[in-house]
Amino acid sequence: MIEFIYFSQKARTSGNWQDPMKAGRMDIVFNVVIASLFLSHKIRENVHLHLIFNGPPNPPMHLEFISNKDMPVSKKDIAGLIKRMLYKYKEGRKTEVFPGCFIEKKSFSKVIEELENKGKKIYILDKKGRFIRELDDKDLENVVFVLGDHEGLPKKELKKFKERVSIGKETYFASHTMVIVHNELDVRGL
């Protein structure tokens, strides 16, 4: 299973918004969800997506999408799905809002810590990192790829991670980055 963490410093942590551009660039989040979970005419079967929202009014929120055949995800209504998940948050609990769709209050650093404790390798996607095509297949097993929105990742957290992976010298949109990583793993059969 491929895992991604997408961090957004300003994405709204409640469902009471109308304009995704004014909700902490929620429009970027929609593209990330589509790029990470979908192929043409189907949902990918091996994706675990973590979204960390750090915007107002109730940060941080951790939304999880674990792809499965019962997940009620449609490219046409990602906004509605995320709003419903945010409305269904219950304090002090991890709630499965829909099959494979969870929400809880959890910080970026706590999500990373839990994944490391499970033995996951954490790769920060960074254009200054080691080129992904230089990695062996073994290096790409049991990994989590981490990327941020247009404002980047929390600076104090970044210092903790030495493993940086690049998909090239250009700066790509977060959603494009996910597609490129998926393609690299698809070509390798991973």
Protein backbone atom coordinates (compact mmCIF):
# COMPACT_ATOMS: atom_id res chain seq x y z
CA MET A 1 0.00 0.00 0.00
CA ILE A 2 1.27 3.46 -0.86
CA GLU A 3 0.83 6.15 1.77
CA PHE A 4 0.79 9.90 1.34
CA ILE A 5 0.59 12.71 3.87
CA TYR A 6 -0.58 16.07 2.61
CA PHE A 7 -0.23 18.99 5.03
CA SER A 8 -2.17 22.23 4.64
CA GLN A 9 -1.37 25.10 6.99
CA LYS A 10 -4.64 26.96 6.33
CA ALA A 11 -7.25 24.39 5.23
CA ARG A 12 -10.44 24.94 7.22
CA THR A 13 -11.09 22.54 10.08
CA SER A 14 -14.86 22.90 9.96
CA GLY A 15 -17.31 22.23 7.16
CA ASN A 16 -18.95 25.66 7.15
CA TRP A 17 -17.42 27.14 4.01
CA GLN A 18 -18.70 27.78 0.52
CA ASP A 19 -15.76 29.00 -1.56
CA PRO A 20 -12.89 26.47 -1.53
CA MET A 21 -10.41 29.20 -2.52
CA LYS A 22 -11.29 31.12 0.66
CA ALA A 23 -11.29 28.02 2.86
CA GLY A 24 -7.51 27.70 3.05
CA ARG A 25 -7.14 26.62 -0.58
CA MET A 26 -9.38 23.61 -0.18
CA ASP A 27 -9.39 23.46 -3.99
CA ILE A 28 -5.82 22.13 -3.78
CA VAL A 29 -7.01 19.48 -1.32
CA PHE A 30 -9.68 18.31 -3.80
CA ASN A 31 -7.05 17.85 -6.51
CA VAL A 32 -4.79 15.96 -4.09
CA VAL A 33 -7.60 13.55 -3.16
CA ILE A 34 -8.43 12.93 -6.81
CA ALA A 35 -4.78 12.47 -7.84
CA SER A 36 -3.99 10.10 -5.00
CA LEU A 37 -7.11 7.89 -5.10
CA PHE A 38 -8.30 7.78 -8.71
CA LEU A 39 -7.35 6.19 -11.99
CA SER A 40 -9.47 6.52 -15.10
CA HIS A 41 -12.83 4.83 -14.39
CA LYS A 42 -11.83 3.39 -11.01
CA ILE A 43 -10.41 3.97 -7.55
CA ARG A 44 -6.88 2.80 -6.81
CA GLU A 45 -6.94 -0.22 -4.51
CA ASN A 46 -3.73 0.38 -2.59
CA VAL A 47 -3.71 3.96 -1.28
CA HIS A 48 -3.76 5.37 2.24
CA LEU A 49 -4.05 9.16 2.16
CA HIS A 50 -3.59 11.33 5.25
CA LEU A 51 -4.73 14.95 5.11
CA ILE A 52 -3.60 17.24 7.92
CA PHE A 53 -5.54 20.52 8.14
CA ASN A 54 -4.06 23.19 10.37
CA GLY A 55 -6.41 26.10 9.65
CA PRO A 56 -9.16 27.65 11.77
CA PRO A 57 -11.30 27.17 13.74
CA ASN A 58 -10.29 23.84 15.35
CA PRO A 59 -6.80 22.68 14.29
CA PRO A 60 -5.31 20.22 13.75
CA MET A 61 -7.59 17.77 11.95
CA HIS A 62 -6.44 14.47 10.48
CA LEU A 63 -8.61 13.05 7.70
CA GLU A 64 -7.78 9.58 6.39
CA PHE A 65 -8.82 7.86 3.20
CA ILE A 66 -8.04 4.15 2.92
CA SER A 67 -9.06 2.99 -0.53
CA ASN A 68 -11.52 0.15 -0.72
CA LYS A 69 -14.46 -0.89 -2.87
CA ASP A 70 -17.03 0.46 -0.39
CA MET A 71 -15.53 3.96 -0.15
CA PRO A 72 -18.20 6.46 -1.27
CA VAL A 73 -15.77 8.71 -3.13
CA SER A 74 -16.77 10.48 -6.33
CA LYS A 75 -14.55 12.91 -8.23
CA LYS A 76 -17.66 15.06 -8.62
CA ASP A 77 -18.24 15.63 -4.89
CA ILE A 78 -14.94 15.63 -3.01
CA ALA A 79 -16.01 18.95 -1.44
CA GLY A 80 -19.22 17.43 -0.08
CA LEU A 81 -17.38 14.39 1.28
CA ILE A 82 -14.78 16.49 3.10
CA LYS A 83 -17.43 18.84 4.50
CA ARG A 84 -19.44 15.88 5.82
CA MET A 85 -16.30 14.40 7.39
CA LEU A 86 -15.49 17.70 9.12
CA TYR A 87 -19.08 18.02 10.41
CA LYS A 88 -18.96 14.45 11.80
CA TYR A 89 -15.84 15.05 13.93
CA LYS A 90 -16.39 13.88 17.53
CA GLU A 91 -14.06 15.24 20.17
CA GLY A 92 -11.64 12.71 21.61
CA ARG A 93 -12.46 10.00 19.05
CA LYS A 94 -11.37 8.70 15.70
CA THR A 95 -14.60 8.45 13.72
CA GLU A 96 -15.21 6.38 10.61
CA VAL A 97 -17.60 8.69 8.77
CA PHE A 98 -17.89 6.45 5.70
CA PRO A 99 -16.16 3.17 4.79
CA GLY A 100 -12.45 3.97 4.60
CA CYS A 101 -12.98 7.65 5.58
CA PHE A 102 -11.88 8.67 9.08
CA ILE A 103 -11.50 11.93 11.00
CA GLU A 104 -9.81 12.77 14.30
CA LYS A 105 -7.94 15.60 15.96
CA LYS A 106 -4.25 14.83 15.47
CA SER A 107 -1.20 16.90 14.59
CA PHE A 108 1.23 16.44 11.73
CA SER A 109 4.02 15.43 14.14
CA LYS A 110 1.81 12.86 15.90
CA VAL A 111 0.77 11.24 12.60
CA ILE A 112 4.43 11.04 11.54
CA GLU A 113 5.46 9.62 14.93
CA GLU A 114 2.78 6.90 14.77
CA LEU A 115 3.81 5.90 11.25
CA GLU A 116 7.48 5.73 12.24
CA ASN A 117 6.53 3.54 15.21
CA LYS A 118 4.86 1.18 12.71
CA GLY A 119 8.21 0.87 10.91
CA LYS A 120 7.37 3.14 7.98
CA LYS A 121 10.13 5.00 6.12
CA ILE A 122 9.23 8.67 5.85
CA TYR A 123 10.24 10.43 2.63
CA ILE A 124 9.80 14.18 2.35
CA LEU A 125 9.16 15.11 -1.28
CA ASP A 126 11.68 17.86 -2.02
CA LYS A 127 13.27 18.92 -5.32
CA LYS A 128 16.68 18.93 -3.57
CA GLY A 129 16.30 15.29 -2.49
CA ARG A 130 17.59 12.09 -4.02
CA PHE A 131 15.97 11.43 -7.40
CA ILE A 132 13.26 8.79 -7.03
CA ARG A 133 14.58 6.82 -10.01
CA GLU A 134 17.90 6.32 -8.19
CA LEU A 135 16.13 4.43 -5.40
CA ASP A 136 16.01 0.64 -5.44
CA ASP A 137 12.65 -1.10 -5.30
CA LYS A 138 13.52 -2.14 -1.74
CA ASP A 139 13.90 1.56 -0.80
CA LEU A 140 10.30 2.12 -1.92
CA GLU A 141 8.73 -0.58 0.23
CA ASN A 142 6.85 0.40 3.37
CA VAL A 143 7.20 4.14 2.70
CA VAL A 144 5.16 7.25 3.31
CA PHE A 145 5.57 10.22 0.97
CA VAL A 146 5.05 13.59 2.64
CA LEU A 147 4.24 16.85 0.89
CA GLY A 148 2.75 20.20 1.72
CA ASP A 149 0.51 22.74 0.10
CA HIS A 150 1.76 25.90 -1.61
CA GLU A 151 3.04 27.15 1.78
CA GLY A 152 5.09 24.03 2.49
CA LEU A 153 5.55 21.86 5.55
CA PRO A 154 6.06 23.00 9.16
CA LYS A 155 9.70 24.18 9.37
CA LYS A 156 10.42 22.77 12.83
CA GLU A 157 9.12 19.36 11.74
CA LEU A 158 11.20 19.33 8.55
CA LYS A 159 14.45 19.44 10.50
CA LYS A 160 13.71 15.98 11.93
CA PHE A 161 13.74 14.26 8.53
CA LYS A 162 16.85 13.47 6.56
CA GLU A 163 15.26 11.29 3.86
CA ARG A 164 14.33 13.55 0.96
CA VAL A 165 13.13 12.31 -2.40
CA SER A 166 12.81 14.32 -5.58
CA ILE A 167 10.68 13.74 -8.66
CA GLY A 168 12.73 16.24 -10.66
CA LYS A 169 14.19 19.71 -10.65
CA GLU A 170 10.92 21.52 -11.25
CA THR A 171 8.39 22.48 -8.59
CA TYR A 172 5.13 20.67 -9.36
CA PHE A 173 1.64 21.07 -7.99
CA ALA A 174 1.02 18.74 -5.03
CA SER A 175 -1.53 16.75 -7.04
CA HIS A 176 0.89 16.37 -9.96
CA THR A 177 3.56 15.19 -7.55
CA MET A 178 1.29 12.38 -6.40
CA VAL A 179 0.57 11.33 -9.98
CA ILE A 180 4.29 11.25 -10.79
CA VAL A 181 5.04 9.14 -7.68
CA HIS A 182 2.18 6.79 -8.55
CA ASN A 183 3.48 6.47 -12.11
CA GLU A 184 6.99 5.63 -10.92
CA LEU A 185 5.66 2.90 -8.65
CA ASP A 186 3.22 1.63 -11.31
CA VAL A 187 6.04 1.31 -13.86
CA ARG A 188 8.07 -0.68 -11.32
CA GLY A 189 5.07 -2.86 -10.46
CA LEU A 190 5.13 -1.83 -6.80
